[in-house]
C-alpha atoms as a PDB file:
ATOM      1  CA  UNK A   1      23.592  15.952 -15.328  1.00  0.00           C
ATOM      2  CA  UNK A   2      25.449  13.169 -13.507  1.00  0.00           C
ATOM      3  CA  UNK A   3      23.236  10.298 -12.557  1.00  0.00           C
ATOM      4  CA  UNK A   4      23.209   9.390  -8.887  1.00  0.00           C
ATOM      5  CA  UNK A   5      24.542   6.137  -7.560  1.00  0.00           C
ATOM      6  CA  UNK A   6      21.681   3.670  -7.238  1.00  0.00           C
ATOM      7  CA  UNK A   7      20.869   2.851  -3.604  1.00  0.00           C
ATOM      8  CA  UNK A   8      21.872  -0.644  -2.529  1.00  0.00           C
ATOM      9  CA  UNK A   9      19.237  -3.277  -3.276  1.00  0.00           C
ATOM     10  CA  UNK A  10      17.110  -1.072  -5.540  1.00  0.00           C
ATOM     11  CA  UNK A  11      17.683  -3.187  -8.647  1.00  0.00           C
ATOM     12  CA  UNK A  12      16.929  -6.407  -6.730  1.00  0.00           C
ATOM     13  CA  UNK A  13      13.702  -4.994  -5.281  1.00  0.00           C
ATOM     14  CA  UNK A  14      12.625  -3.671  -8.668  1.00  0.00           C
ATOM     15  CA  UNK A  15      13.204  -7.056 -10.323  1.00  0.00           C
ATOM     16  CA  UNK A  16      11.232  -8.734  -7.519  1.00  0.00           C
ATOM     17  CA  UNK A  17       8.434  -6.194  -8.134  1.00  0.00           C
ATOM     18  CA  UNK A  18       8.338  -7.188 -11.817  1.00  0.00           C
ATOM     19  CA  UNK A  19       8.454 -10.901 -10.940  1.00  0.00           C
ATOM     20  CA  UNK A  20       5.354 -10.516  -8.758  1.00  0.00           C
ATOM     21  CA  UNK A  21       3.463  -8.506 -11.362  1.00  0.00           C
ATOM     22  CA  UNK A  22       4.334 -10.937 -14.185  1.00  0.00           C
ATOM     23  CA  UNK A  23       3.405 -13.947 -12.050  1.00  0.00           C
ATOM     24  CA  UNK A  24      -0.005 -12.453 -11.302  1.00  0.00           C
ATOM     25  CA  UNK A  25      -0.578 -11.389 -14.922  1.00  0.00           C
ATOM     26  CA  UNK A  26       0.223 -14.929 -16.076  1.00  0.00           C
ATOM     27  CA  UNK A  27      -2.707 -16.146 -13.966  1.00  0.00           C
ATOM     28  CA  UNK A  28      -5.119 -13.940 -15.950  1.00  0.00           C
ATOM     29  CA  UNK A  29      -6.897 -14.807 -19.177  1.00  0.00           C
ATOM     30  CA  UNK A  30      -4.388 -13.681 -21.834  1.00  0.00           C
ATOM     31  CA  UNK A  31      -7.058 -12.039 -23.978  1.00  0.00           C
ATOM     32  CA  UNK A  32      -8.641 -10.069 -21.129  1.00  0.00           C
ATOM     33  CA  UNK A  33      -8.034  -6.319 -21.248  1.00  0.00           C
ATOM     34  CA  UNK A  34      -5.224  -4.995 -19.079  1.00  0.00           C
ATOM     35  CA  UNK A  35      -6.380  -3.363 -15.849  1.00  0.00           C
ATOM     36  CA  UNK A  36      -3.792  -1.895 -13.479  1.00  0.00           C
ATOM     37  CA  UNK A  37      -6.427  -1.295 -10.784  1.00  0.00           C
ATOM     38  CA  UNK A  38      -7.333  -4.986 -10.876  1.00  0.00           C
ATOM     39  CA  UNK A  39      -3.683  -5.914 -10.335  1.00  0.00           C
ATOM     40  CA  UNK A  40      -3.354  -3.459  -7.461  1.00  0.00           C
ATOM     41  CA  UNK A  41      -6.484  -4.860  -5.838  1.00  0.00           C
ATOM     42  CA  UNK A  42      -5.160  -8.423  -6.185  1.00  0.00           C
ATOM     43  CA  UNK A  43      -1.481  -8.031  -5.211  1.00  0.00           C
ATOM     44  CA  UNK A  44      -1.317  -4.506  -3.778  1.00  0.00           C
ATOM     45  CA  UNK A  45       1.032  -3.240  -6.495  1.00  0.00           C
ATOM     46  CA  UNK A  46       0.962  -2.238 -10.130  1.00  0.00           C
ATOM     47  CA  UNK A  47       3.260  -0.783 -12.750  1.00  0.00           C
ATOM     48  CA  UNK A  48       2.752   2.861 -11.865  1.00  0.00           C
ATOM     49  CA  UNK A  49       5.395   5.069 -10.304  1.00  0.00           C
ATOM     50  CA  UNK A  50       4.052   4.645  -6.780  1.00  0.00           C
ATOM     51  CA  UNK A  51       5.144   0.981  -6.743  1.00  0.00           C
ATOM     52  CA  UNK A  52       8.492   1.056  -8.557  1.00  0.00           C
ATOM     53  CA  UNK A  53      11.592   1.499  -6.355  1.00  0.00           C
ATOM     54  CA  UNK A  54      13.385   3.418  -9.132  1.00  0.00           C
ATOM     55  CA  UNK A  55      10.411   5.736  -9.635  1.00  0.00           C
ATOM     56  CA  UNK A  56      10.120   6.374  -5.926  1.00  0.00           C
ATOM     57  CA  UNK A  57      13.773   7.424  -5.861  1.00  0.00           C
ATOM     58  CA  UNK A  58      14.017   9.385  -9.106  1.00  0.00           C
ATOM     59  CA  UNK A  59      10.605  10.302 -10.554  1.00  0.00           C
ATOM     60  CA  UNK A  60       9.137  11.523  -7.316  1.00  0.00           C
ATOM     61  CA  UNK A  61      12.271  13.657  -6.792  1.00  0.00           C
ATOM     62  CA  UNK A  62      12.185  14.853 -10.443  1.00  0.00           C
ATOM     63  CA  UNK A  63      15.730  13.558 -10.857  1.00  0.00           C
ATOM     64  CA  UNK A  64      17.689  11.681 -13.498  1.00  0.00           C
ATOM     65  CA  UNK A  65      16.863   7.959 -13.373  1.00  0.00           C
ATOM     66  CA  UNK A  66      19.438   5.410 -14.565  1.00  0.00           C
ATOM     67  CA  UNK A  67      16.657   3.641 -16.511  1.00  0.00           C
ATOM     68  CA  UNK A  68      15.992   6.550 -18.849  1.00  0.00           C
ATOM     69  CA  UNK A  69      18.081   8.348 -21.428  1.00  0.00           C
ATOM     70  CA  UNK A  70      16.754  11.829 -20.664  1.00  0.00           C
ATOM     71  CA  UNK A  71      17.638  14.172 -17.796  1.00  0.00           C
ATOM     72  CA  UNK A  72      14.454  13.583 -15.825  1.00  0.00           C
ATOM     73  CA  UNK A  73      12.436  10.446 -15.204  1.00  0.00           C
ATOM     74  CA  UNK A  74       9.446  10.414 -17.554  1.00  0.00           C
ATOM     75  CA  UNK A  75       7.379   7.254 -18.093  1.00  0.00           C
ATOM     76  CA  UNK A  76       7.381   7.413 -21.878  1.00  0.00           C
ATOM     77  CA  UNK A  77      11.207   7.250 -21.888  1.00  0.00           C
ATOM     78  CA  UNK A  78      11.593   4.707 -19.096  1.00  0.00           C
ATOM     79  CA  UNK A  79      13.647   1.693 -20.113  1.00  0.00           C
ATOM     80  CA  UNK A  80      14.172   3.128 -23.619  1.00  0.00           C
ATOM     81  CA  UNK A  81      10.421   3.371 -24.139  1.00  0.00           C
ATOM     82  CA  UNK A  82       9.702  -0.233 -23.143  1.00  0.00           C
ATOM     83  CA  UNK A  83       7.723   0.791 -20.069  1.00  0.00           C
ATOM     84  CA  UNK A  84       5.473   2.941 -22.259  1.00  0.00           C
ATOM     85  CA  UNK A  85       4.808  -0.043 -24.551  1.00  0.00           C
ATOM     86  CA  UNK A  86       3.889  -2.123 -21.503  1.00  0.00           C
ATOM     87  CA  UNK A  87       1.647   0.656 -20.220  1.00  0.00           C
ATOM     88  CA  UNK A  88      -0.207   0.748 -23.549  1.00  0.00           C
ATOM     89  CA  UNK A  89      -0.681  -3.037 -23.806  1.00  0.00           C
ATOM     90  CA  UNK A  90      -4.281  -3.936 -24.548  1.00  0.00           C
ATOM     91  CA  UNK A  91      -4.414  -7.502 -23.209  1.00  0.00           C
ATOM     92  CA  UNK A  92      -2.501  -9.500 -20.599  1.00  0.00           C
ATOM     93  CA  UNK A  93      -0.621 -11.541 -23.205  1.00  0.00           C
ATOM     94  CA  UNK A  94       0.838  -8.353 -24.694  1.00  0.00           C
ATOM     95  CA  UNK A  95       1.424  -6.853 -21.240  1.00  0.00           C
ATOM     96  CA  UNK A  96       3.411  -9.898 -20.085  1.00  0.00           C
ATOM     97  CA  UNK A  97       5.547  -9.827 -23.230  1.00  0.00           C
ATOM     98  CA  UNK A  98       6.296  -6.128 -22.689  1.00  0.00           C
ATOM     99  CA  UNK A  99       6.841  -6.502 -18.925  1.00  0.00           C
ATOM    100  CA  UNK A 100       9.449  -9.194 -19.560  1.00  0.00           C
ATOM    101  CA  UNK A 101      11.281  -6.791 -21.889  1.00  0.00           C
ATOM    102  CA  UNK A 102      11.198  -4.080 -19.213  1.00  0.00           C
ATOM    103  CA  UNK A 103      12.502  -6.560 -16.646  1.00  0.00           C
ATOM    104  CA  UNK A 104      15.326  -7.645 -18.978  1.00  0.00           C
ATOM    105  CA  UNK A 105      16.264  -3.998 -19.568  1.00  0.00           C
ATOM    106  CA  UNK A 106      16.389  -3.336 -15.824  1.00  0.00           C
ATOM    107  CA  UNK A 107      18.447  -6.470 -15.252  1.00  0.00           C
ATOM    108  CA  UNK A 108      20.944  -5.446 -17.963  1.00  0.00           C
ATOM    109  CA  UNK A 109      21.283  -1.823 -16.808  1.00  0.00           C
ATOM    110  CA  UNK A 110      24.548  -1.225 -14.929  1.00  0.00           C
ATOM    111  CA  UNK A 111      23.957  -0.516 -11.268  1.00  0.00           C
ATOM    112  CA  UNK A 112      26.001   2.665 -11.184  1.00  0.00           C
ATOM    113  CA  UNK A 113      25.258   4.026 -14.659  1.00  0.00           C
ATOM    114  CA  UNK A 114      26.524   7.580 -15.172  1.00  0.00           C
END
């Protein structure tokens, strides 16, 4: 399957999304357990598919996302598995470390990957 051209600005908006989440997570006690609902309540976004510009474009359409190496967008494969590691983080310190890896992967991914 040929991957679609990424809509203009999607990468920028996704990186901004990660910047906001990381900034908020850095304000939490690093040893507190991770809670996506708490983040959503505080900043009105979290790391689930409903907040990610890439997921909105590809996962919700069951299409091939440029951030995964499989034919359909599946969280466990997102960003070469880095998103799944972030999703499984137990405390905010670990979550931040993983989120920064996801952000770096997104930043390094070519905009029009095929």
